[in-house]
Amino acid sequence: MMITPAGQRVHYRDHGGDGPPVVVLHSFLMDLSMWDRQVDAFRDGFRIIAVDERGHGETPADGPFGYWDVARDVLHLLDHLGVERAAVVGTSQGGFVALRMALLAPERVTALAVLGTSGEAEDPQVAEGYRQLAGIWAAQGPDSVIDAVAAICLGETDASAWTPKWRAVRGERFERIVGALVDRDGVLDRAGEITVPVLVLHGTADLAYPVARAEALVAALPKAEPLVTIDGGAHFLSVTNPDDVYPHLREFLDAHADGK
C-alpha cells in the first residue's frame, strides 16, 4: 500500500523484473488481478506494475473523485517506486486514466496501449442509463442487474470469477465509482498533445463503445498505430480475448516500452 501526498491510499502489486516498467490499469468494477494472465505472459521482458484504482480492489474512495485524480495517484505511485518513466496499458476505464496520465505528465509516459476505451465524455443517454442501473443496484441489490452488467462488460465470457466481487461493491463506494464513469470529461480534443506511440485495440462486439470511438481516438492521436480490431471481442478485451490481444501488445511493448 502507498499513500499519496494528499493522503489517498493506493494498493498496487509490483511484480518486479529487469525490463522496462509497464503499468497496467483495470476496467470499471475490476481490480488488479484482471491482468494476471498478462503478468504471466509479459514478466520475462518487463517490470509489470498493477494498480487498484480508486474505489476498486483494496484502494478506497473516501470521497467523490474523477479520473484525473486517479491519474495523479498512479503518477505518485511511480514516484514512490522510483520509476521515472513507464509505458501504460489500460482497458476501458484504465484507458481513461492512461490518457490523462499522458496529458498530465507527458515526460513520464513512454508509450500507451488502450483497449476498449474512448477519449470522449459519456454519451448523455448512455450516462442516464448507467445512473438508472446504479439506482436499481442500490435499491434492489446487484443481483437484479448483475447479468446485464456482465453482458456489457464481458459478452459471452464466464463472469463467475468476478460477480462475487461485484456484489460486494455497495453504498457510497458504488455511487462514487459510477459518478467518475458517467461524469468524466472528454479528452479527445486534447489528444494531439499526446505525442508518444499509442496502440488502440477494440472488440467488434463491444457493447459499451462502438468501434467508431476507437477510430476517432486513433485519428486524433499523432503517433497512433493502425487500429487493431478483434473480431467478436467484448468490452473488457484483455479478459475476454487475451490470446488475440497478446501478440499485438507484445510487439508494441517490445518496440516502444523503453521509450527509445
C-alpha atoms as a PDB file:
ATOM      1  CA  MET A   1       0.000   0.000   0.000  1.00  0.00           C
ATOM      2  CA  MET A   2       1.210   3.508  -0.854  1.00  0.00           C
ATOM      3  CA  ILE A   3      -0.150   6.821   0.463  1.00  0.00           C
ATOM      4  CA  THR A   4      -0.096   9.880  -1.813  1.00  0.00           C
ATOM      5  CA  PRO A   5       0.830  13.353  -0.520  1.00  0.00           C
ATOM      6  CA  ALA A   6      -2.914  14.096  -0.347  1.00  0.00           C
ATOM      7  CA  GLY A   7      -3.491  11.050   1.864  1.00  0.00           C
ATOM      8  CA  GLN A   8      -5.021   8.737  -0.725  1.00  0.00           C
ATOM      9  CA  ARG A   9      -4.152   5.088  -0.112  1.00  0.00           C
ATOM     10  CA  VAL A  10      -3.286   3.143  -3.262  1.00  0.00           C
ATOM     11  CA  HIS A  11      -2.948  -0.621  -3.375  1.00  0.00           C
ATOM     12  CA  TYR A  12      -0.616  -1.996  -6.023  1.00  0.00           C
ATOM     13  CA  ARG A  13       1.468  -5.004  -6.902  1.00  0.00           C
ATOM     14  CA  ASP A  14       4.974  -4.590  -8.301  1.00  0.00           C
ATOM     15  CA  HIS A  15       5.777  -7.877 -10.000  1.00  0.00           C
ATOM     16  CA  GLY A  16       9.449  -6.936 -10.413  1.00  0.00           C
ATOM     17  CA  GLY A  17      11.727  -7.711 -13.312  1.00  0.00           C
ATOM     18  CA  ASP A  18      14.631  -6.019 -15.034  1.00  0.00           C
ATOM     19  CA  GLY A  19      12.824  -4.919 -18.191  1.00  0.00           C
ATOM     20  CA  PRO A  20      11.157  -1.583 -18.921  1.00  0.00           C
ATOM     21  CA  PRO A  21       8.367  -0.751 -16.434  1.00  0.00           C
ATOM     22  CA  VAL A  22       4.795  -1.198 -17.646  1.00  0.00           C
ATOM     23  CA  VAL A  23       1.821  -0.005 -15.577  1.00  0.00           C
ATOM     24  CA  VAL A  24      -1.407  -1.968 -16.134  1.00  0.00           C
ATOM     25  CA  LEU A  25      -4.754  -0.351 -15.286  1.00  0.00           C
ATOM     26  CA  HIS A  26      -8.008  -2.281 -14.958  1.00  0.00           C
ATOM     27  CA  SER A  27     -11.597  -1.642 -16.012  1.00  0.00           C
ATOM     28  CA  PHE A  28     -14.659  -0.446 -14.101  1.00  0.00           C
ATOM     29  CA  LEU A  29     -15.681  -2.852 -11.290  1.00  0.00           C
ATOM     30  CA  MET A  30     -12.495  -4.905 -11.752  1.00  0.00           C
ATOM     31  CA  ASP A  31      -9.196  -4.917  -9.842  1.00  0.00           C
ATOM     32  CA  LEU A  32      -5.503  -5.502 -10.483  1.00  0.00           C
ATOM     33  CA  SER A  33      -5.990  -9.270 -10.737  1.00  0.00           C
ATOM     34  CA  MET A  34      -7.668  -8.589 -14.081  1.00  0.00           C
ATOM     35  CA  TRP A  35      -4.148  -8.578 -15.531  1.00  0.00           C
ATOM     36  CA  ASP A  36      -2.900 -11.861 -14.052  1.00  0.00           C
ATOM     37  CA  ARG A  37      -2.699 -13.628 -17.418  1.00  0.00           C
ATOM     38  CA  GLN A  38      -0.794 -10.747 -18.958  1.00  0.00           C
ATOM     39  CA  VAL A  39       1.575 -10.618 -15.984  1.00  0.00           C
ATOM     40  CA  ASP A  40       2.479 -14.255 -16.536  1.00  0.00           C
ATOM     41  CA  ALA A  41       2.967 -13.667 -20.252  1.00  0.00           C
ATOM     42  CA  PHE A  42       4.981 -10.444 -20.005  1.00  0.00           C
ATOM     43  CA  ARG A  43       7.077 -10.815 -16.872  1.00  0.00           C
ATOM     44  CA  ASP A  44      10.009 -12.249 -18.864  1.00  0.00           C
ATOM     45  CA  GLY A  45      10.626  -8.911 -20.591  1.00  0.00           C
ATOM     46  CA  PHE A  46       9.024  -6.196 -18.480  1.00  0.00           C
ATOM     47  CA  ARG A  47       8.539  -4.957 -14.942  1.00  0.00           C
ATOM     48  CA  ILE A  48       4.758  -5.120 -14.567  1.00  0.00           C
ATOM     49  CA  ILE A  49       3.171  -2.781 -12.012  1.00  0.00           C
ATOM     50  CA  ALA A  50      -0.538  -3.460 -11.443  1.00  0.00           C
ATOM     51  CA  VAL A  51      -2.700  -0.897  -9.641  1.00  0.00           C
ATOM     52  CA  ASP A  52      -6.070  -0.976  -7.876  1.00  0.00           C
ATOM     53  CA  GLU A  53      -7.710   2.273  -8.977  1.00  0.00           C
ATOM     54  CA  ARG A  54      -9.782   4.374  -6.549  1.00  0.00           C
ATOM     55  CA  GLY A  55     -12.847   2.596  -5.278  1.00  0.00           C
ATOM     56  CA  HIS A  56     -11.697  -0.755  -6.660  1.00  0.00           C
ATOM     57  CA  GLY A  57      -9.946  -3.721  -5.131  1.00  0.00           C
ATOM     58  CA  GLU A  58      -8.130  -2.666  -1.972  1.00  0.00           C
ATOM     59  CA  THR A  59      -7.891   1.021  -2.857  1.00  0.00           C
ATOM     60  CA  PRO A  60     -10.573   3.054  -1.077  1.00  0.00           C
ATOM     61  CA  ALA A  61     -12.561   6.010  -2.358  1.00  0.00           C
ATOM     62  CA  ASP A  62     -13.108   8.189   0.685  1.00  0.00           C
ATOM     63  CA  GLY A  63     -14.869  10.906  -1.312  1.00  0.00           C
ATOM     64  CA  PRO A  64     -16.010  11.782  -4.835  1.00  0.00           C
ATOM     65  CA  PHE A  65     -13.243  11.650  -7.444  1.00  0.00           C
ATOM     66  CA  GLY A  66     -12.551  11.772 -11.166  1.00  0.00           C
ATOM     67  CA  TYR A  67     -10.127  10.036 -13.477  1.00  0.00           C
ATOM     68  CA  TRP A  68      -7.694  12.956 -13.343  1.00  0.00           C
ATOM     69  CA  ASP A  69      -7.379  12.189  -9.623  1.00  0.00           C
ATOM     70  CA  VAL A  70      -6.695   8.528 -10.379  1.00  0.00           C
ATOM     71  CA  ALA A  71      -4.073   9.508 -12.958  1.00  0.00           C
ATOM     72  CA  ARG A  72      -2.325  11.594 -10.295  1.00  0.00           C
ATOM     73  CA  ASP A  73      -2.490   8.640  -7.890  1.00  0.00           C
ATOM     74  CA  VAL A  74      -0.634   6.470 -10.397  1.00  0.00           C
ATOM     75  CA  LEU A  75       1.976   9.153 -11.054  1.00  0.00           C
ATOM     76  CA  HIS A  76       2.577   9.416  -7.294  1.00  0.00           C
ATOM     77  CA  LEU A  77       2.959   5.639  -7.229  1.00  0.00           C
ATOM     78  CA  LEU A  78       5.687   5.875  -9.867  1.00  0.00           C
ATOM     79  CA  ASP A  79       7.426   8.441  -7.636  1.00  0.00           C
ATOM     80  CA  HIS A  80       7.066   6.071  -4.685  1.00  0.00           C
ATOM     81  CA  LEU A  81       8.654   3.247  -6.677  1.00  0.00           C
ATOM     82  CA  GLY A  82      11.435   5.420  -8.075  1.00  0.00           C
ATOM     83  CA  VAL A  83      10.202   4.893 -11.640  1.00  0.00           C
ATOM     84  CA  GLU A  84      10.963   7.887 -13.825  1.00  0.00           C
ATOM     85  CA  ARG A  85       9.142   6.719 -16.971  1.00  0.00           C
ATOM     86  CA  ALA A  86       6.816   3.850 -17.810  1.00  0.00           C
ATOM     87  CA  ALA A  87       4.593   2.505 -20.535  1.00  0.00           C
ATOM     88  CA  VAL A  88       0.923   2.394 -19.556  1.00  0.00           C
ATOM     89  CA  VAL A  89      -1.662  -0.179 -20.636  1.00  0.00           C
ATOM     90  CA  GLY A  90      -5.342   0.273 -19.759  1.00  0.00           C
ATOM     91  CA  THR A  91      -8.626  -1.422 -20.574  1.00  0.00           C
ATOM     92  CA  SER A  92     -11.800   0.731 -20.699  1.00  0.00           C
ATOM     93  CA  GLN A  93     -11.636   2.836 -17.505  1.00  0.00           C
ATOM     94  CA  GLY A  94      -7.925   2.065 -17.323  1.00  0.00           C
ATOM     95  CA  GLY A  95      -7.593   3.662 -20.741  1.00  0.00           C
ATOM     96  CA  PHE A  96      -9.332   6.815 -19.495  1.00  0.00           C
ATOM     97  CA  VAL A  97      -6.714   7.027 -16.750  1.00  0.00           C
ATOM     98  CA  ALA A  98      -3.812   6.237 -19.078  1.00  0.00           C
ATOM     99  CA  LEU A  99      -4.744   9.048 -21.476  1.00  0.00           C
ATOM    100  CA  ARG A 100      -4.943  11.504 -18.585  1.00  0.00           C
ATOM    101  CA  MET A 101      -1.553  10.396 -17.272  1.00  0.00           C
ATOM    102  CA  ALA A 102      -0.026  11.210 -20.651  1.00  0.00           C
ATOM    103  CA  LEU A 103      -1.663  14.641 -20.617  1.00  0.00           C
ATOM    104  CA  LEU A 104      -0.657  15.450 -17.022  1.00  0.00           C
ATOM    105  CA  ALA A 105       2.943  14.263 -17.273  1.00  0.00           C
ATOM    106  CA  PRO A 106       3.981  13.525 -20.871  1.00  0.00           C
ATOM    107  CA  GLU A 107       7.611  13.176 -19.830  1.00  0.00           C
ATOM    108  CA  ARG A 108       6.688  10.232 -17.565  1.00  0.00           C
ATOM    109  CA  VAL A 109       4.951   8.073 -20.196  1.00  0.00           C
ATOM    110  CA  THR A 110       6.931   6.200 -22.854  1.00  0.00           C
ATOM    111  CA  ALA A 111       4.012   4.584 -24.696  1.00  0.00           C
ATOM    112  CA  LEU A 112       0.293   3.896 -24.302  1.00  0.00           C
ATOM    113  CA  ALA A 113      -1.849   0.894 -25.171  1.00  0.00           C
ATOM    114  CA  VAL A 114      -5.595   1.239 -24.634  1.00  0.00           C
ATOM    115  CA  LEU A 115      -8.244  -1.426 -25.119  1.00  0.00           C
ATOM    116  CA  GLY A 116     -11.998  -0.909 -25.383  1.00  0.00           C
ATOM    117  CA  THR A 117     -11.696   2.727 -24.402  1.00  0.00           C
ATOM    118  CA  SER A 118     -12.752   6.172 -25.572  1.00  0.00           C
ATOM    119  CA  GLY A 119     -11.425   9.714 -25.491  1.00  0.00           C
ATOM    120  CA  GLU A 120     -14.909  11.169 -25.340  1.00  0.00           C
ATOM    121  CA  ALA A 121     -17.261  12.020 -22.500  1.00  0.00           C
ATOM    122  CA  GLU A 122     -20.033   9.529 -21.853  1.00  0.00           C
ATOM    123  CA  ASP A 123     -22.976   9.855 -24.211  1.00  0.00           C
ATOM    124  CA  PRO A 124     -25.758  11.583 -22.182  1.00  0.00           C
ATOM    125  CA  GLN A 125     -28.323   8.873 -22.931  1.00  0.00           C
ATOM    126  CA  VAL A 126     -25.879   6.120 -22.012  1.00  0.00           C
ATOM    127  CA  ALA A 127     -24.900   8.003 -18.860  1.00  0.00           C
ATOM    128  CA  GLU A 128     -28.544   8.248 -17.842  1.00  0.00           C
ATOM    129  CA  GLY A 129     -28.960   4.514 -18.447  1.00  0.00           C
ATOM    130  CA  TYR A 130     -25.978   3.822 -16.188  1.00  0.00           C
ATOM    131  CA  ARG A 131     -27.438   6.091 -13.496  1.00  0.00           C
ATOM    132  CA  GLN A 132     -30.703   4.176 -13.635  1.00  0.00           C
ATOM    133  CA  LEU A 133     -28.837   0.884 -13.417  1.00  0.00           C
ATOM    134  CA  ALA A 134     -26.909   2.216 -10.429  1.00  0.00           C
ATOM    135  CA  GLY A 135     -30.169   3.226  -8.793  1.00  0.00           C
ATOM    136  CA  ILE A 136     -31.541  -0.286  -9.194  1.00  0.00           C
ATOM    137  CA  TRP A 137     -28.261  -1.726  -7.886  1.00  0.00           C
ATOM    138  CA  ALA A 138     -28.534   0.486  -4.799  1.00  0.00           C
ATOM    139  CA  ALA A 139     -32.246  -0.051  -4.164  1.00  0.00           C
ATOM    140  CA  GLN A 140     -32.709  -3.722  -5.022  1.00  0.00           C
ATOM    141  CA  GLY A 141     -29.169  -5.084  -4.785  1.00  0.00           C
ATOM    142  CA  PRO A 142     -26.767  -6.069  -7.525  1.00  0.00           C
ATOM    143  CA  ASP A 143     -28.381  -9.436  -8.296  1.00  0.00           C
ATOM    144  CA  SER A 144     -31.201  -7.668 -10.129  1.00  0.00           C
ATOM    145  CA  VAL A 145     -28.846  -6.208 -12.752  1.00  0.00           C
ATOM    146  CA  ILE A 146     -25.591  -8.124 -12.474  1.00  0.00           C
ATOM    147  CA  ASP A 147     -26.270 -10.304 -15.513  1.00  0.00           C
ATOM    148  CA  ALA A 148     -26.840  -7.217 -17.629  1.00  0.00           C
ATOM    149  CA  VAL A 149     -23.593  -5.696 -16.379  1.00  0.00           C
ATOM    150  CA  ALA A 150     -21.721  -8.911 -17.148  1.00  0.00           C
ATOM    151  CA  ALA A 151     -23.123  -8.952 -20.690  1.00  0.00           C
ATOM    152  CA  ILE A 152     -21.993  -5.370 -21.337  1.00  0.00           C
ATOM    153  CA  CYS A 153     -18.528  -5.904 -19.877  1.00  0.00           C
ATOM    154  CA  LEU A 154     -17.662  -9.487 -20.738  1.00  0.00           C
ATOM    155  CA  GLY A 155     -20.028 -10.524 -23.503  1.00  0.00           C
ATOM    156  CA  GLU A 156     -20.384 -14.307 -23.509  1.00  0.00           C
ATOM    157  CA  THR A 157     -17.308 -14.870 -21.329  1.00  0.00           C
ATOM    158  CA  ASP A 158     -17.987 -16.589 -17.993  1.00  0.00           C
ATOM    159  CA  ALA A 159     -18.289 -13.868 -15.344  1.00  0.00           C
ATOM    160  CA  SER A 160     -18.467 -16.161 -12.305  1.00  0.00           C
ATOM    161  CA  ALA A 161     -14.943 -15.279 -11.149  1.00  0.00           C
ATOM    162  CA  TRP A 162     -15.949 -11.615 -10.957  1.00  0.00           C
ATOM    163  CA  THR A 163     -19.584 -11.412  -9.892  1.00  0.00           C
ATOM    164  CA  PRO A 164     -18.879 -12.192  -6.197  1.00  0.00           C
ATOM    165  CA  LYS A 165     -16.532  -9.196  -6.121  1.00  0.00           C
ATOM    166  CA  TRP A 166     -19.104  -7.018  -7.872  1.00  0.00           C
ATOM    167  CA  ARG A 167     -21.780  -7.962  -5.329  1.00  0.00           C
ATOM    168  CA  ALA A 168     -19.549  -6.626  -2.556  1.00  0.00           C
ATOM    169  CA  VAL A 169     -19.436  -3.113  -4.057  1.00  0.00           C
ATOM    170  CA  ARG A 170     -22.289  -1.243  -2.371  1.00  0.00           C
ATOM    171  CA  GLY A 171     -23.318   2.122  -0.962  1.00  0.00           C
ATOM    172  CA  GLU A 172     -21.167   5.226  -1.361  1.00  0.00           C
ATOM    173  CA  ARG A 173     -18.314   3.270  -2.890  1.00  0.00           C
ATOM    174  CA  PHE A 174     -20.519   2.187  -5.786  1.00  0.00           C
ATOM    175  CA  GLU A 175     -22.003   5.674  -6.186  1.00  0.00           C
ATOM    176  CA  ARG A 176     -18.532   7.188  -6.378  1.00  0.00           C
ATOM    177  CA  ILE A 177     -17.139   4.822  -8.991  1.00  0.00           C
ATOM    178  CA  VAL A 178     -20.271   5.238 -11.133  1.00  0.00           C
ATOM    179  CA  GLY A 179     -20.020   9.014 -10.748  1.00  0.00           C
ATOM    180  CA  ALA A 180     -16.446   9.003 -12.015  1.00  0.00           C
ATOM    181  CA  LEU A 181     -17.528   6.958 -15.039  1.00  0.00           C
ATOM    182  CA  VAL A 182     -20.594   8.887 -16.152  1.00  0.00           C
ATOM    183  CA  ASP A 183     -19.417  12.414 -15.261  1.00  0.00           C
ATOM    184  CA  ARG A 184     -15.967  12.229 -16.850  1.00  0.00           C
ATOM    185  CA  ASP A 185     -14.913  14.944 -19.257  1.00  0.00           C
ATOM    186  CA  GLY A 186     -13.751  14.239 -22.780  1.00  0.00           C
ATOM    187  CA  VAL A 187     -10.093  14.458 -23.764  1.00  0.00           C
ATOM    188  CA  LEU A 188     -10.388  13.795 -27.498  1.00  0.00           C
ATOM    189  CA  ASP A 189      -9.848  17.489 -28.249  1.00  0.00           C
ATOM    190  CA  ARG A 190      -6.502  17.298 -26.407  1.00  0.00           C
ATOM    191  CA  ALA A 191      -5.332  14.012 -27.911  1.00  0.00           C
ATOM    192  CA  GLY A 192      -2.989  15.909 -30.233  1.00  0.00           C
ATOM    193  CA  GLU A 193      -0.881  16.726 -27.166  1.00  0.00           C
ATOM    194  CA  ILE A 194      -0.082  13.024 -26.682  1.00  0.00           C
ATOM    195  CA  THR A 195       2.998  12.509 -28.824  1.00  0.00           C
ATOM    196  CA  VAL A 196       4.153   9.077 -27.637  1.00  0.00           C
ATOM    197  CA  PRO A 197       3.357   5.907 -29.610  1.00  0.00           C
ATOM    198  CA  VAL A 198      -0.159   4.618 -28.900  1.00  0.00           C
ATOM    199  CA  LEU A 199      -1.744   1.269 -29.693  1.00  0.00           C
ATOM    200  CA  VAL A 200      -5.558   1.167 -29.744  1.00  0.00           C
ATOM    201  CA  LEU A 201      -7.330  -2.200 -29.679  1.00  0.00           C
ATOM    202  CA  HIS A 202     -11.098  -2.670 -29.823  1.00  0.00           C
ATOM    203  CA  GLY A 203     -13.507  -5.574 -29.997  1.00  0.00           C
ATOM    204  CA  THR A 204     -16.072  -5.687 -32.785  1.00  0.00           C
ATOM    205  CA  ALA A 205     -18.662  -6.961 -30.274  1.00  0.00           C
ATOM    206  CA  ASP A 206     -18.007  -4.224 -27.684  1.00  0.00           C
ATOM    207  CA  LEU A 207     -21.437  -3.335 -26.231  1.00  0.00           C
ATOM    208  CA  ALA A 208     -20.205  -0.281 -24.324  1.00  0.00           C
ATOM    209  CA  TYR A 209     -18.408   1.656 -27.063  1.00  0.00           C
ATOM    210  CA  PRO A 210     -18.724   1.193 -30.828  1.00  0.00           C
ATOM    211  CA  VAL A 211     -15.604   0.765 -32.922  1.00  0.00           C
ATOM    212  CA  ALA A 212     -16.163   4.347 -34.102  1.00  0.00           C
ATOM    213  CA  ARG A 213     -14.947   5.558 -30.683  1.00  0.00           C
ATOM    214  CA  ALA A 214     -11.640   3.769 -31.249  1.00  0.00           C
ATOM    215  CA  GLU A 215     -11.404   5.098 -34.808  1.00  0.00           C
ATOM    216  CA  ALA A 216     -11.887   8.646 -33.541  1.00  0.00           C
ATOM    217  CA  LEU A 217      -9.168   8.164 -30.944  1.00  0.00           C
ATOM    218  CA  VAL A 218      -6.694   6.807 -33.488  1.00  0.00           C
ATOM    219  CA  ALA A 219      -7.445   9.707 -35.839  1.00  0.00           C
ATOM    220  CA  ALA A 220      -6.782  12.242 -33.067  1.00  0.00           C
ATOM    221  CA  LEU A 221      -3.507  10.775 -31.775  1.00  0.00           C
ATOM    222  CA  PRO A 222      -0.421  11.923 -33.723  1.00  0.00           C
ATOM    223  CA  LYS A 223       1.579   8.717 -33.213  1.00  0.00           C
ATOM    224  CA  ALA A 224      -1.181   6.127 -33.081  1.00  0.00           C
ATOM    225  CA  GLU A 225      -0.535   2.757 -34.661  1.00  0.00           C
ATOM    226  CA  PRO A 226      -3.202   1.469 -37.075  1.00  0.00           C
ATOM    227  CA  LEU A 227      -6.318   0.445 -35.181  1.00  0.00           C
ATOM    228  CA  VAL A 228      -6.408  -3.219 -34.172  1.00  0.00           C
ATOM    229  CA  THR A 229      -9.892  -4.730 -34.097  1.00  0.00           C
ATOM    230  CA  ILE A 230     -10.501  -8.106 -32.503  1.00  0.00           C
ATOM    231  CA  ASP A 231     -13.294  -9.980 -34.243  1.00  0.00           C
ATOM    232  CA  GLY A 232     -16.021 -10.835 -31.720  1.00  0.00           C
ATOM    233  CA  GLY A 233     -14.096  -9.181 -28.895  1.00  0.00           C
ATOM    234  CA  ALA A 234     -16.153  -7.826 -25.976  1.00  0.00           C
ATOM    235  CA  HIS A 235     -15.652  -4.654 -23.940  1.00  0.00           C
ATOM    236  CA  PHE A 236     -13.149  -5.955 -21.369  1.00  0.00           C
ATOM    237  CA  LEU A 237     -10.954  -7.166 -24.196  1.00  0.00           C
ATOM    238  CA  SER A 238      -7.874  -8.088 -22.166  1.00  0.00           C
ATOM    239  CA  VAL A 239     -10.019 -10.554 -20.175  1.00  0.00           C
ATOM    240  CA  THR A 240     -12.288 -11.891 -22.896  1.00  0.00           C
ATOM    241  CA  ASN A 241      -9.689 -12.239 -25.674  1.00  0.00           C
ATOM    242  CA  PRO A 242      -6.242 -12.455 -24.047  1.00  0.00           C
ATOM    243  CA  ASP A 243      -4.749 -14.743 -26.696  1.00  0.00           C
ATOM    244  CA  ASP A 244      -5.867 -12.419 -29.507  1.00  0.00           C
ATOM    245  CA  VAL A 245      -4.580  -9.346 -27.702  1.00  0.00           C
ATOM    246  CA  TYR A 246      -1.213 -10.753 -26.620  1.00  0.00           C
ATOM    247  CA  PRO A 247       0.771 -10.672 -29.891  1.00  0.00           C
ATOM    248  CA  HIS A 248      -0.251  -7.083 -30.627  1.00  0.00           C
ATOM    249  CA  LEU A 249       0.618  -5.875 -27.130  1.00  0.00           C
ATOM    250  CA  ARG A 250       3.872  -7.807 -27.100  1.00  0.00           C
ATOM    251  CA  GLU A 251       5.073  -6.419 -30.424  1.00  0.00           C
ATOM    252  CA  PHE A 252       4.128  -2.890 -29.394  1.00  0.00           C
ATOM    253  CA  LEU A 253       5.728  -3.021 -25.956  1.00  0.00           C
ATOM    254  CA  ASP A 254       8.870  -4.690 -27.293  1.00  0.00           C
ATOM    255  CA  ALA A 255       9.221  -1.779 -29.711  1.00  0.00           C
ATOM    256  CA  HIS A 256       8.218   1.161 -27.509  1.00  0.00           C
ATOM    257  CA  ALA A 257       8.098   0.441 -23.762  1.00  0.00           C
ATOM    258  CA  ASP A 258      11.672   1.609 -23.201  1.00  0.00           C
ATOM    259  CA  GLY A 259      10.926   4.979 -24.825  1.00  0.00           C
ATOM    260  CA  LYS A 260      13.806   4.776 -27.281  1.00  0.00           C
END
